[in-house]
């Protein structure tokens, strides 16, 4: 697999997501009726900002410090992308647990 292309595409998507979410958050204020929604646009953009920032932080670490050396094997890249994908999964898991704890999900 051509990991350099995947790195480039993921980095560009991360940068676009960061710019779009920062632009939305700075131009739109949190609405008072957003507390009644499970996922508001503001929360979604905040999630996008956090995930995009995590991706860019991981790539900056990989590109500048080269912890895996100059040549990165396929298995190392798969581990690296696993670390990158773990953050959004953890955030969604914590959000779901908070929803269940607060009782925002319909109970049987």
N, C-alpha and C. Protein backbone atom coordinates (compact mmCIF):
# COMPACT_ATOMS: atom_id res chain seq x y z
N UNK A 1 0.85 -1.18 0.00
CA UNK A 1 0.00 0.00 0.00
C UNK A 1 0.89 1.24 0.00
N UNK A 2 0.49 2.26 -0.71
CA UNK A 2 1.27 3.48 -0.81
C UNK A 2 0.93 4.40 0.37
N UNK A 3 1.67 4.27 1.47
CA UNK A 3 1.36 4.97 2.70
C UNK A 3 1.62 6.47 2.60
N UNK A 4 2.51 6.88 1.73
CA UNK A 4 2.76 8.31 1.59
C UNK A 4 1.54 9.03 1.05
N UNK A 5 0.84 8.39 0.12
CA UNK A 5 -0.39 8.98 -0.43
C UNK A 5 -1.47 9.03 0.66
N UNK A 6 -1.58 7.94 1.42
CA UNK A 6 -2.57 7.92 2.50
C UNK A 6 -2.25 8.99 3.54
N UNK A 7 -0.97 9.16 3.88
CA UNK A 7 -0.57 10.22 4.81
C UNK A 7 -0.96 11.59 4.28
N UNK A 8 -0.67 11.83 3.03
CA UNK A 8 -0.99 13.12 2.44
C UNK A 8 -2.47 13.41 2.42
N UNK A 9 -3.26 12.43 1.99
CA UNK A 9 -4.71 12.62 1.93
C UNK A 9 -5.29 12.81 3.33
N UNK A 10 -4.84 12.00 4.29
CA UNK A 10 -5.33 12.13 5.67
C UNK A 10 -4.93 13.47 6.27
N UNK A 11 -3.72 13.91 6.00
CA UNK A 11 -3.27 15.21 6.50
C UNK A 11 -4.08 16.36 5.92
N UNK A 12 -4.38 16.28 4.62
CA UNK A 12 -5.18 17.33 3.98
C UNK A 12 -6.60 17.33 4.54
N UNK A 13 -7.19 16.15 4.71
CA UNK A 13 -8.53 16.07 5.29
C UNK A 13 -8.53 16.59 6.72
N UNK A 14 -7.51 16.25 7.49
CA UNK A 14 -7.40 16.75 8.86
C UNK A 14 -7.29 18.27 8.90
N UNK A 15 -6.50 18.83 8.00
CA UNK A 15 -6.35 20.29 7.96
C UNK A 15 -7.64 20.98 7.54
N UNK A 16 -8.32 20.43 6.54
CA UNK A 16 -9.60 21.01 6.10
C UNK A 16 -10.64 20.91 7.21
N UNK A 17 -10.68 19.76 7.90
CA UNK A 17 -11.62 19.60 9.01
C UNK A 17 -11.34 20.58 10.14
N UNK A 18 -10.07 20.80 10.43
CA UNK A 18 -9.71 21.75 11.47
C UNK A 18 -10.12 23.16 11.10
N UNK A 19 -9.81 23.58 9.90
CA UNK A 19 -10.15 24.93 9.45
C UNK A 19 -11.67 25.12 9.42
N UNK A 20 -12.40 24.13 8.90
CA UNK A 20 -13.85 24.26 8.81
C UNK A 20 -14.49 24.32 10.20
N UNK A 21 -14.02 23.49 11.11
CA UNK A 21 -14.63 23.49 12.44
C UNK A 21 -14.26 24.74 13.23
N UNK A 22 -13.04 25.22 13.10
CA UNK A 22 -12.67 26.47 13.78
C UNK A 22 -13.47 27.63 13.21
N UNK A 23 -13.64 27.64 11.90
CA UNK A 23 -14.43 28.72 11.27
C UNK A 23 -15.88 28.68 11.77
N UNK A 24 -16.46 27.49 11.86
CA UNK A 24 -17.84 27.39 12.33
C UNK A 24 -17.95 27.83 13.78
N UNK A 25 -17.04 27.35 14.62
CA UNK A 25 -17.12 27.66 16.06
C UNK A 25 -16.92 29.14 16.31
N UNK A 26 -16.05 29.80 15.55
CA UNK A 26 -15.82 31.22 15.77
C UNK A 26 -16.92 32.10 15.20
N UNK A 27 -17.64 31.63 14.19
CA UNK A 27 -18.68 32.47 13.58
C UNK A 27 -20.08 32.19 14.12
N UNK A 28 -20.30 31.04 14.72
CA UNK A 28 -21.62 30.70 15.25
C UNK A 28 -21.54 30.56 16.76
N UNK A 29 -22.51 31.11 17.42
CA UNK A 29 -22.57 30.97 18.86
C UNK A 29 -23.42 29.77 19.22
N UNK A 30 -23.16 29.25 20.41
CA UNK A 30 -23.95 28.12 20.89
C UNK A 30 -25.36 28.59 21.19
N UNK A 31 -26.33 27.90 20.61
CA UNK A 31 -27.73 28.30 20.79
C UNK A 31 -28.28 27.74 22.10
N UNK A 32 -29.22 28.46 22.73
CA UNK A 32 -29.75 27.98 24.01
C UNK A 32 -30.53 26.68 23.91
N UNK A 33 -31.14 26.40 22.75
CA UNK A 33 -31.91 25.16 22.62
C UNK A 33 -31.04 23.98 22.24
N UNK A 34 -29.71 24.16 22.16
CA UNK A 34 -28.80 23.07 21.84
C UNK A 34 -28.73 22.04 22.97
N UNK A 35 -29.09 22.43 24.18
CA UNK A 35 -29.04 21.49 25.30
C UNK A 35 -30.10 20.40 25.17
N UNK A 36 -31.16 20.65 24.40
CA UNK A 36 -32.21 19.66 24.22
C UNK A 36 -31.87 18.62 23.16
N UNK A 37 -30.90 18.92 22.33
CA UNK A 37 -30.49 18.00 21.27
C UNK A 37 -29.42 17.04 21.81
N UNK A 38 -29.45 15.83 21.33
CA UNK A 38 -28.41 14.88 21.73
C UNK A 38 -27.08 15.29 21.11
N UNK A 39 -27.09 15.56 19.80
CA UNK A 39 -25.88 16.02 19.13
C UNK A 39 -26.23 17.28 18.34
N UNK A 40 -25.76 18.41 18.83
CA UNK A 40 -25.99 19.66 18.12
C UNK A 40 -24.88 19.88 17.10
N UNK A 41 -25.09 20.83 16.23
CA UNK A 41 -24.07 21.14 15.23
C UNK A 41 -22.81 21.65 15.91
N UNK A 42 -22.96 22.40 16.97
CA UNK A 42 -21.81 22.91 17.73
C UNK A 42 -20.99 21.76 18.32
N UNK A 43 -21.68 20.77 18.90
CA UNK A 43 -20.97 19.62 19.46
C UNK A 43 -20.29 18.81 18.36
N UNK A 44 -20.97 18.67 17.23
CA UNK A 44 -20.40 17.93 16.11
C UNK A 44 -19.15 18.62 15.58
N UNK A 45 -19.19 19.92 15.46
CA UNK A 45 -18.02 20.66 14.99
C UNK A 45 -16.89 20.63 16.03
N UNK A 46 -17.24 20.63 17.30
CA UNK A 46 -16.22 20.49 18.34
C UNK A 46 -15.55 19.12 18.27
N UNK A 47 -16.34 18.09 18.01
CA UNK A 47 -15.80 16.74 17.84
C UNK A 47 -14.90 16.68 16.61
N UNK A 48 -15.33 17.30 15.52
CA UNK A 48 -14.52 17.35 14.32
C UNK A 48 -13.21 18.08 14.57
N UNK A 49 -13.24 19.15 15.31
CA UNK A 49 -12.04 19.90 15.64
C UNK A 49 -11.08 19.06 16.47
N UNK A 50 -11.60 18.38 17.48
CA UNK A 50 -10.74 17.55 18.33
C UNK A 50 -10.12 16.41 17.55
N UNK A 51 -10.91 15.75 16.71
CA UNK A 51 -10.39 14.62 15.92
C UNK A 51 -9.39 15.08 14.87
N UNK A 52 -9.68 16.17 14.20
CA UNK A 52 -8.76 16.70 13.20
C UNK A 52 -7.46 17.15 13.85
N UNK A 53 -7.57 17.79 14.98
CA UNK A 53 -6.37 18.19 15.72
C UNK A 53 -5.54 17.00 16.14
N UNK A 54 -6.20 15.91 16.56
CA UNK A 54 -5.49 14.70 16.95
C UNK A 54 -4.74 14.11 15.75
N UNK A 55 -5.40 14.07 14.59
CA UNK A 55 -4.76 13.54 13.39
C UNK A 55 -3.54 14.37 13.03
N UNK A 56 -3.67 15.68 13.03
CA UNK A 56 -2.54 16.54 12.69
C UNK A 56 -1.42 16.42 13.72
N UNK A 57 -1.77 16.27 14.98
CA UNK A 57 -0.76 16.10 16.02
C UNK A 57 0.00 14.78 15.83
N UNK A 58 -0.71 13.72 15.52
CA UNK A 58 -0.06 12.43 15.27
C UNK A 58 0.86 12.50 14.07
N UNK A 59 0.38 13.12 12.99
CA UNK A 59 1.22 13.24 11.80
C UNK A 59 2.43 14.12 12.05
N UNK A 60 2.26 15.21 12.79
CA UNK A 60 3.40 16.07 13.10
C UNK A 60 4.45 15.28 13.88
N UNK A 61 4.00 14.48 14.82
CA UNK A 61 4.92 13.64 15.59
C UNK A 61 5.63 12.64 14.67
N UNK A 62 4.89 12.02 13.77
CA UNK A 62 5.48 11.03 12.86
C UNK A 62 6.45 11.67 11.88
N UNK A 63 6.09 12.82 11.34
CA UNK A 63 6.93 13.44 10.32
C UNK A 63 8.15 14.13 10.90
N UNK A 64 8.03 14.78 12.05
CA UNK A 64 9.15 15.56 12.59
C UNK A 64 10.11 14.73 13.43
N UNK A 65 9.59 13.82 14.24
CA UNK A 65 10.45 13.07 15.14
C UNK A 65 10.86 11.70 14.60
N UNK A 66 10.17 11.21 13.59
CA UNK A 66 10.44 9.92 12.96
C UNK A 66 10.71 8.82 13.99
N UNK A 67 9.73 8.50 14.85
CA UNK A 67 9.96 7.50 15.88
C UNK A 67 10.11 6.08 15.31
N UNK A 68 9.62 5.87 14.10
CA UNK A 68 9.69 4.55 13.49
C UNK A 68 10.85 4.44 12.50
N UNK A 69 11.68 5.47 12.43
CA UNK A 69 12.81 5.45 11.51
C UNK A 69 12.47 6.06 10.17
N UNK A 70 13.46 6.05 9.28
CA UNK A 70 13.27 6.65 7.96
C UNK A 70 12.36 5.79 7.08
N UNK A 71 12.46 4.48 7.23
CA UNK A 71 11.61 3.58 6.46
C UNK A 71 10.60 2.95 7.41
N UNK A 72 9.33 3.14 7.11
CA UNK A 72 8.26 2.63 7.97
C UNK A 72 7.61 1.45 7.27
N UNK A 73 7.54 0.34 7.97
CA UNK A 73 6.94 -0.86 7.37
C UNK A 73 5.42 -0.77 7.38
N UNK A 74 4.78 -1.65 6.64
CA UNK A 74 3.31 -1.67 6.58
C UNK A 74 2.70 -1.95 7.95
N UNK A 75 3.29 -2.86 8.70
CA UNK A 75 2.74 -3.18 10.02
C UNK A 75 2.87 -2.00 10.98
N UNK A 76 3.97 -1.23 10.87
CA UNK A 76 4.11 -0.03 11.71
C UNK A 76 3.07 1.02 11.35
N UNK A 77 2.81 1.18 10.05
CA UNK A 77 1.78 2.13 9.63
C UNK A 77 0.40 1.71 10.10
N UNK A 78 0.12 0.42 10.07
CA UNK A 78 -1.18 -0.05 10.55
C UNK A 78 -1.32 0.22 12.04
N UNK A 79 -0.28 0.04 12.81
CA UNK A 79 -0.32 0.36 14.25
C UNK A 79 -0.51 1.86 14.45
N UNK A 80 0.18 2.65 13.65
CA UNK A 80 0.08 4.10 13.77
C UNK A 80 -1.34 4.57 13.46
N UNK A 81 -1.94 4.04 12.40
CA UNK A 81 -3.31 4.43 12.06
C UNK A 81 -4.30 3.90 13.10
N UNK A 82 -3.98 2.79 13.73
CA UNK A 82 -4.80 2.30 14.85
C UNK A 82 -4.79 3.28 16.01
N UNK A 83 -3.64 3.86 16.30
CA UNK A 83 -3.55 4.87 17.35
C UNK A 83 -4.34 6.11 16.96
N UNK A 84 -4.23 6.51 15.69
CA UNK A 84 -4.97 7.69 15.24
C UNK A 84 -6.48 7.47 15.33
N UNK A 85 -6.95 6.29 15.00
CA UNK A 85 -8.39 6.03 15.02
C UNK A 85 -8.93 5.74 16.41
N UNK A 86 -8.04 5.48 17.36
CA UNK A 86 -8.52 5.17 18.71
C UNK A 86 -9.09 6.40 19.41
N UNK A 87 -8.56 7.59 19.13
CA UNK A 87 -9.05 8.79 19.81
C UNK A 87 -10.52 9.08 19.51
N UNK A 88 -10.95 9.12 18.23
CA UNK A 88 -12.38 9.35 17.97
C UNK A 88 -13.26 8.26 18.59
N UNK A 89 -12.78 7.02 18.57
CA UNK A 89 -13.57 5.94 19.15
C UNK A 89 -13.72 6.13 20.66
N UNK A 90 -12.67 6.54 21.33
CA UNK A 90 -12.73 6.77 22.78
C UNK A 90 -13.66 7.94 23.09
N UNK A 91 -13.57 9.01 22.30
CA UNK A 91 -14.43 10.17 22.53
C UNK A 91 -15.90 9.80 22.34
N UNK A 92 -16.20 9.04 21.28
CA UNK A 92 -17.59 8.62 21.07
C UNK A 92 -18.07 7.70 22.17
N UNK A 93 -17.20 6.82 22.65
CA UNK A 93 -17.56 5.93 23.75
C UNK A 93 -17.88 6.72 25.02
N UNK A 94 -17.04 7.68 25.36
CA UNK A 94 -17.28 8.50 26.55
C UNK A 94 -18.55 9.32 26.39
N UNK A 95 -18.80 9.85 25.19
CA UNK A 95 -20.02 10.61 24.94
C UNK A 95 -21.25 9.73 25.13
N UNK A 96 -21.19 8.51 24.61
CA UNK A 96 -22.31 7.57 24.77
C UNK A 96 -22.54 7.20 26.23
N UNK A 97 -21.47 6.99 26.97
CA UNK A 97 -21.60 6.68 28.40
C UNK A 97 -22.23 7.86 29.14
N UNK A 98 -21.81 9.09 28.79
CA UNK A 98 -22.41 10.28 29.42
C UNK A 98 -23.89 10.37 29.11
N UNK A 99 -24.27 10.06 27.86
CA UNK A 99 -25.69 10.10 27.49
C UNK A 99 -26.49 9.09 28.32
N UNK A 100 -25.96 7.90 28.46
CA UNK A 100 -26.66 6.89 29.25
C UNK A 100 -26.74 7.31 30.72
N UNK A 101 -25.67 7.88 31.24
CA UNK A 101 -25.66 8.29 32.64
C UNK A 101 -26.63 9.43 32.90
N UNK A 102 -26.72 10.36 31.96
CA UNK A 102 -27.62 11.52 32.12
C UNK A 102 -29.06 11.18 31.80
N UNK A 103 -29.31 10.01 31.22
CA UNK A 103 -30.68 9.61 30.93
C UNK A 103 -31.24 10.23 29.67
N UNK A 104 -30.38 10.68 28.76
CA UNK A 104 -30.88 11.29 27.52
C UNK A 104 -31.31 10.25 26.50
N UNK A 105 -30.92 9.03 26.70
CA UNK A 105 -31.35 7.95 25.81
C UNK A 105 -32.62 7.34 26.40
N UNK A 106 -33.60 7.09 25.54
CA UNK A 106 -34.88 6.53 26.02
C UNK A 106 -34.65 5.22 26.76
N UNK A 107 -35.31 5.11 27.88
CA UNK A 107 -35.19 3.90 28.69
C UNK A 107 -36.34 2.96 28.39
N UNK A 108 -36.07 1.68 28.54
CA UNK A 108 -37.13 0.68 28.31
C UNK A 108 -38.08 0.62 29.48
